[in-house]
């Protein structure tokens, strides 16, 4: 059984955010399941809405759920690890990384190699801060990643993301010819989700897109592109396996083609808009160069 009082320190307004921070070992999908099935209570009353607004002093409970099964084993515990970090920007509140592909943010089941959060923990230990992730990128996704340096900064930045005040722009290559730009509005796990896509270039059987997610659901871009029959090239989960196999053999692509090119928001400490950019990494640029030669 889980029972926690909402304290002023580390306060999170939304219920799902509060649970996510208090239960780091529990997958977000499981937290939403607890909410849907009425397992979550606030001050003794069921709370099913993930966006339910908490107040300092509220008591949050999860009843009739064995949370022990989500506990990490000692082997999966986080340990600071030295790691070369590509830092785009850094100040006292947060830092911005250029995340490389094929490195996970957190340890997962069966993952025993160093992860990005462990590299950040090592760097933070040297610099005197504790890293807090305020948004996420999939293991194979490269690009701009924002990391807070303290709990209060994480809360403020996290609210900017949740309130949709952060603009994220991705570049992706999808299967098929996308004839015109558009928007996908299709719920993900019963939550609203919206993704705009802009056609940049068409090749023989793939299209290069600029994609702007207006919500932050898990695998949102990958799911939405697949839902309109234009899955991201190289995506093993939502894509075309045979097409991916042939594309990899021809162009050498070893991951899915998705890159976070830009993140921008109004910095509440500087009181100005900030924008952080990441150039397309070498492996993806190489694929585009090969496609261009065939035109």
Protein backbone atom coordinates (compact mmCIF):
# COMPACT_ATOMS: atom_id res chain seq x y z
CA UNK A 1 0.00 0.00 0.00
CA UNK A 2 1.20 3.51 -0.86
CA UNK A 3 0.32 6.49 1.34
CA UNK A 4 2.02 9.89 1.10
CA UNK A 5 1.22 13.38 2.30
CA UNK A 6 1.79 16.21 -0.18
CA UNK A 7 4.54 18.37 1.27
CA UNK A 8 5.57 21.88 0.25
CA UNK A 9 9.07 20.69 -0.61
CA UNK A 10 9.00 18.94 -3.97
CA UNK A 11 5.33 19.85 -4.49
CA UNK A 12 3.77 18.69 -7.77
CA UNK A 13 0.42 20.11 -8.81
CA UNK A 14 -0.83 17.22 -10.97
CA UNK A 15 -1.66 13.88 -9.42
CA UNK A 16 0.05 11.80 -12.12
CA UNK A 17 3.24 13.85 -11.80
CA UNK A 18 3.22 13.44 -8.01
CA UNK A 19 2.84 9.65 -8.33
CA UNK A 20 5.48 9.43 -11.00
CA UNK A 21 8.03 11.19 -8.78
CA UNK A 22 7.12 9.25 -5.65
CA UNK A 23 7.12 5.89 -7.45
CA UNK A 24 10.14 5.99 -9.79
CA UNK A 25 10.19 2.20 -10.17
CA UNK A 26 6.58 2.01 -11.36
CA UNK A 27 6.01 2.44 -15.14
CA UNK A 28 3.87 5.42 -16.12
CA UNK A 29 1.48 3.07 -17.92
CA UNK A 30 0.88 1.23 -14.64
CA UNK A 31 0.21 4.51 -12.80
CA UNK A 32 -2.45 5.43 -15.38
CA UNK A 33 -3.94 1.95 -15.01
CA UNK A 34 -4.21 2.44 -11.23
CA UNK A 35 -6.03 5.73 -11.87
CA UNK A 36 -8.43 4.24 -14.44
CA UNK A 37 -9.31 1.32 -12.20
CA UNK A 38 -10.01 3.52 -9.17
CA UNK A 39 -7.06 2.35 -7.09
CA UNK A 40 -5.87 5.91 -6.32
CA UNK A 41 -7.41 7.96 -3.51
CA UNK A 42 -6.91 11.59 -2.45
CA UNK A 43 -8.08 12.40 1.08
CA UNK A 44 -10.04 9.15 1.13
CA UNK A 45 -11.88 9.73 -2.17
CA UNK A 46 -11.21 8.00 -5.46
CA UNK A 47 -9.29 10.11 -7.99
CA UNK A 48 -9.33 8.85 -11.58
CA UNK A 49 -8.23 12.01 -13.38
CA UNK A 50 -4.43 12.15 -14.00
CA UNK A 51 -4.62 15.97 -14.09
CA UNK A 52 -6.34 16.18 -10.68
CA UNK A 53 -4.83 19.22 -8.90
CA UNK A 54 -3.26 18.52 -5.54
CA UNK A 55 -2.89 20.91 -2.61
CA UNK A 56 -0.19 20.90 0.06
CA UNK A 57 -1.48 18.71 2.90
CA UNK A 58 -3.47 16.30 0.71
CA UNK A 59 -3.00 12.61 1.42
CA UNK A 60 -2.54 10.39 -1.62
CA UNK A 61 -3.04 6.62 -1.42
CA UNK A 62 -2.88 3.65 -3.75
CA UNK A 63 -4.99 0.79 -2.39
CA UNK A 64 -5.27 -2.90 -3.24
CA UNK A 65 -2.06 -2.94 -5.32
CA UNK A 66 1.15 -4.85 -4.58
CA UNK A 67 3.81 -2.28 -5.46
CA UNK A 68 6.65 -4.54 -4.34
CA UNK A 69 6.64 -6.28 -7.72
CA UNK A 70 7.87 -3.06 -9.32
CA UNK A 71 10.90 -2.72 -7.06
CA UNK A 72 14.28 -2.68 -8.80
CA UNK A 73 16.70 -5.41 -7.85
CA UNK A 74 20.05 -4.44 -6.41
CA UNK A 75 21.60 -5.26 -9.78
CA UNK A 76 19.41 -2.62 -11.45
CA UNK A 77 20.08 0.15 -8.91
CA UNK A 78 21.43 3.45 -10.18
CA UNK A 79 25.15 4.12 -9.78
CA UNK A 80 27.08 7.21 -10.95
CA UNK A 81 29.12 6.34 -14.04
CA UNK A 82 31.72 8.52 -15.81
CA UNK A 83 30.43 9.43 -19.24
CA UNK A 84 31.21 11.97 -21.93
CA UNK A 85 28.26 14.38 -22.14
CA UNK A 86 27.57 16.67 -25.09
CA UNK A 87 26.35 19.77 -23.25
CA UNK A 88 24.61 22.42 -25.35
CA UNK A 89 23.87 24.82 -22.48
CA UNK A 90 24.22 24.96 -18.70
CA UNK A 91 23.37 27.38 -15.91
CA UNK A 92 22.52 27.10 -12.21
CA UNK A 93 18.98 25.80 -12.85
CA UNK A 94 19.24 23.32 -15.72
CA UNK A 95 21.43 21.93 -18.44
CA UNK A 96 20.66 21.00 -22.02
CA UNK A 97 22.19 17.89 -23.58
CA UNK A 98 22.59 16.64 -27.09
CA UNK A 99 21.53 13.05 -26.40
CA UNK A 100 23.27 10.45 -28.56
CA UNK A 101 21.30 7.54 -30.04
CA UNK A 102 21.27 4.04 -28.54
CA UNK A 103 21.70 5.09 -24.93
CA UNK A 104 18.82 4.66 -22.48
CA UNK A 105 17.86 7.36 -19.99
CA UNK A 106 17.17 4.86 -17.20
CA UNK A 107 18.03 1.22 -16.57
CA UNK A 108 15.37 -1.14 -17.84
CA UNK A 109 14.76 -4.83 -17.53
CA UNK A 110 17.85 -6.67 -18.66
CA UNK A 111 19.86 -3.47 -19.16
CA UNK A 112 23.16 -3.55 -17.28
CA UNK A 113 25.20 -0.98 -19.24
CA UNK A 114 25.65 2.63 -18.16
CA UNK A 115 22.62 4.82 -18.81
CA UNK A 116 22.39 8.57 -19.32
CA UNK A 117 20.97 9.29 -15.85
CA UNK A 118 23.96 7.50 -14.32
CA UNK A 119 26.31 9.65 -16.40
CA UNK A 120 24.41 12.73 -15.24
CA UNK A 121 24.65 11.56 -11.62
CA UNK A 122 28.43 11.32 -11.95
CA UNK A 123 28.64 14.77 -13.55
CA UNK A 124 26.28 16.21 -10.93
CA UNK A 125 28.36 14.75 -8.11
CA UNK A 126 31.42 16.55 -9.49
CA UNK A 127 29.53 19.84 -9.99
CA UNK A 128 27.46 19.72 -6.81
CA UNK A 129 23.90 19.07 -8.05
CA UNK A 130 21.40 16.24 -8.38
CA UNK A 131 19.97 15.72 -11.91
CA UNK A 132 16.22 15.48 -12.50
CA UNK A 133 14.76 14.50 -15.86
CA UNK A 134 11.81 16.73 -16.82
CA UNK A 135 10.98 15.00 -20.11
CA UNK A 136 12.13 11.91 -21.96
CA UNK A 137 13.52 10.66 -25.24
CA UNK A 138 13.38 7.02 -26.31
CA UNK A 139 16.63 5.08 -26.24
CA UNK A 140 17.05 5.26 -30.01
CA UNK A 141 15.94 8.90 -30.31
CA UNK A 142 18.72 11.49 -30.42
CA UNK A 143 18.64 15.23 -29.84
CA UNK A 144 17.81 17.96 -27.32
CA UNK A 145 17.19 16.84 -23.72
CA UNK A 146 16.50 19.19 -20.77
CA UNK A 147 17.72 18.18 -17.30
CA UNK A 148 16.94 20.14 -14.11
CA UNK A 149 19.55 20.57 -11.38
CA UNK A 150 17.28 20.65 -8.32
CA UNK A 151 13.77 19.69 -7.25
CA UNK A 152 12.30 23.18 -7.52
CA UNK A 153 13.66 23.72 -11.04
CA UNK A 154 12.38 20.27 -12.01
CA UNK A 155 8.90 21.20 -10.75
CA UNK A 156 8.83 24.48 -12.68
CA UNK A 157 10.21 23.01 -15.91
CA UNK A 158 7.99 19.96 -15.55
CA UNK A 159 4.92 22.20 -15.35
CA UNK A 160 6.00 24.01 -18.52
CA UNK A 161 6.08 20.68 -20.34
CA UNK A 162 2.77 19.51 -18.86
CA UNK A 163 1.06 22.83 -19.62
CA UNK A 164 2.23 22.56 -23.24
CA UNK A 165 4.34 25.68 -23.06
CA UNK A 166 7.41 23.94 -24.49
CA UNK A 167 7.75 23.65 -28.27
CA UNK A 168 9.55 20.53 -29.49
CA UNK A 169 10.47 19.95 -33.11
CA UNK A 170 11.56 16.56 -34.42
CA UNK A 171 12.92 15.36 -37.75
CA UNK A 172 11.90 11.91 -38.92
CA UNK A 173 11.93 9.71 -42.00
CA UNK A 174 8.76 7.72 -42.63
CA UNK A 175 7.75 4.94 -44.97
CA UNK A 176 5.82 5.95 -48.10
CA UNK A 177 5.10 9.21 -49.87
CA UNK A 178 3.37 11.79 -47.66
CA UNK A 179 1.65 14.08 -50.16
CA UNK A 180 0.71 16.94 -47.86
CA UNK A 181 1.26 18.22 -44.35
CA UNK A 182 -1.35 17.63 -41.66
CA UNK A 183 -2.19 16.88 -38.04
CA UNK A 184 -2.98 13.62 -36.25
CA UNK A 185 -5.47 13.95 -33.39
CA UNK A 186 -5.85 10.48 -31.96
CA UNK A 187 -6.00 9.59 -28.24
CA UNK A 188 -3.22 7.52 -26.71
CA UNK A 189 -4.15 5.42 -23.65
CA UNK A 190 -7.46 7.31 -23.45
CA UNK A 191 -5.66 10.66 -23.28
CA UNK A 192 -5.84 13.37 -25.92
CA UNK A 193 -2.82 13.51 -28.23
CA UNK A 194 -2.02 15.82 -31.13
CA UNK A 195 0.88 15.76 -33.58
CA UNK A 196 1.50 18.09 -36.51
CA UNK A 197 3.68 16.92 -39.39
CA UNK A 198 5.19 19.02 -42.17
CA UNK A 199 6.52 17.48 -45.38
CA UNK A 200 10.11 18.53 -46.06
CA UNK A 201 11.00 16.21 -48.93
CA UNK A 202 9.81 13.08 -50.72
CA UNK A 203 12.15 10.37 -51.97
CA UNK A 204 11.27 7.21 -53.92
CA UNK A 205 9.53 5.37 -51.12
CA UNK A 206 10.16 7.44 -47.98
CA UNK A 207 9.40 10.99 -46.84
CA UNK A 208 11.35 13.39 -44.63
CA UNK A 209 9.11 15.20 -42.14
CA UNK A 210 9.30 17.91 -39.51
CA UNK A 211 7.08 16.84 -36.61
CA UNK A 212 5.69 18.93 -33.75
CA UNK A 213 4.00 17.04 -30.89
CA UNK A 214 1.58 19.26 -28.98
CA UNK A 215 1.13 16.69 -26.21
CA UNK A 216 3.69 14.44 -24.57
CA UNK A 217 2.34 10.90 -24.64
CA UNK A 218 4.58 7.85 -24.61
CA UNK A 219 5.78 6.95 -28.12
CA UNK A 220 3.41 9.63 -29.44
CA UNK A 221 5.17 10.45 -32.71
CA UNK A 222 5.87 6.80 -33.47
CA UNK A 223 2.28 5.76 -32.76
CA UNK A 224 0.71 8.65 -34.67
CA UNK A 225 2.85 8.19 -37.77
CA UNK A 226 2.05 4.50 -37.79
CA UNK A 227 -1.67 5.26 -37.40
CA UNK A 228 -1.70 7.08 -40.77
CA UNK A 229 0.23 4.26 -42.45
CA UNK A 230 3.51 6.17 -42.52
CA UNK A 231 5.53 4.53 -39.73
CA UNK A 232 8.99 5.82 -38.89
CA UNK A 233 11.69 4.04 -40.83
CA UNK A 234 13.54 1.57 -38.62
CA UNK A 235 10.83 1.42 -35.94
CA UNK A 236 10.64 -2.24 -34.93
CA UNK A 237 7.63 -1.81 -32.66
CA UNK A 238 5.23 0.24 -34.79
CA UNK A 239 6.82 -0.04 -38.23
CA UNK A 240 7.02 -2.38 -41.20
CA UNK A 241 9.55 -5.10 -40.31
CA UNK A 242 10.25 -6.25 -43.85
CA UNK A 243 10.60 -2.69 -45.15
CA UNK A 244 12.93 -1.86 -42.25
CA UNK A 245 15.06 -4.93 -42.93
CA UNK A 246 15.55 -4.01 -46.57
CA UNK A 247 16.18 -0.33 -45.77
CA UNK A 248 18.83 -1.24 -43.19
CA UNK A 249 20.59 -3.53 -45.65
CA UNK A 250 20.61 -0.81 -48.34
CA UNK A 251 21.36 2.30 -46.27
CA UNK A 252 22.92 0.98 -43.07
CA UNK A 253 20.36 2.51 -40.69
CA UNK A 254 20.72 0.78 -37.32
CA UNK A 255 17.94 2.54 -35.38
CA UNK A 256 14.71 4.34 -36.08
CA UNK A 257 15.04 7.68 -37.84
CA UNK A 258 13.82 10.14 -35.19
CA UNK A 259 15.73 13.16 -33.90
CA UNK A 260 14.71 16.02 -31.58
CA UNK A 261 16.05 19.00 -33.50
CA UNK A 262 14.81 21.87 -31.34
CA UNK A 263 13.30 22.69 -27.94
CA UNK A 264 12.16 26.21 -27.06
CA UNK A 265 10.28 27.79 -24.16
CA UNK A 266 9.99 30.98 -22.09
CA UNK A 267 12.67 30.75 -19.42
CA UNK A 268 10.98 31.93 -16.16
CA UNK A 269 14.35 32.81 -14.58
CA UNK A 270 15.84 34.75 -17.50
CA UNK A 271 12.39 36.13 -18.40
CA UNK A 272 13.02 35.54 -22.09
CA UNK A 273 12.41 32.91 -24.73
CA UNK A 274 15.21 30.39 -25.15
CA UNK A 275 15.81 27.95 -27.99
CA UNK A 276 18.16 25.00 -28.08
CA UNK A 277 19.08 23.15 -31.26
CA UNK A 278 20.80 19.90 -32.15
CA UNK A 279 22.10 19.16 -35.65
CA UNK A 280 21.15 15.90 -37.33
CA UNK A 281 23.67 13.28 -36.16
CA UNK A 282 26.09 11.60 -38.54
CA UNK A 283 24.24 8.27 -38.88
CA UNK A 284 21.02 9.98 -40.01
CA UNK A 285 22.79 12.54 -42.20
CA UNK A 286 24.55 9.69 -43.98
CA UNK A 287 21.20 8.07 -44.82
CA UNK A 288 19.90 11.34 -46.30
CA UNK A 289 23.07 11.76 -48.35
CA UNK A 290 22.62 8.31 -49.86
CA UNK A 291 18.96 9.06 -50.63
CA UNK A 292 19.93 12.35 -52.28
CA UNK A 293 22.41 10.57 -54.57
CA UNK A 294 19.58 8.42 -55.88
CA UNK A 295 17.36 11.35 -56.82
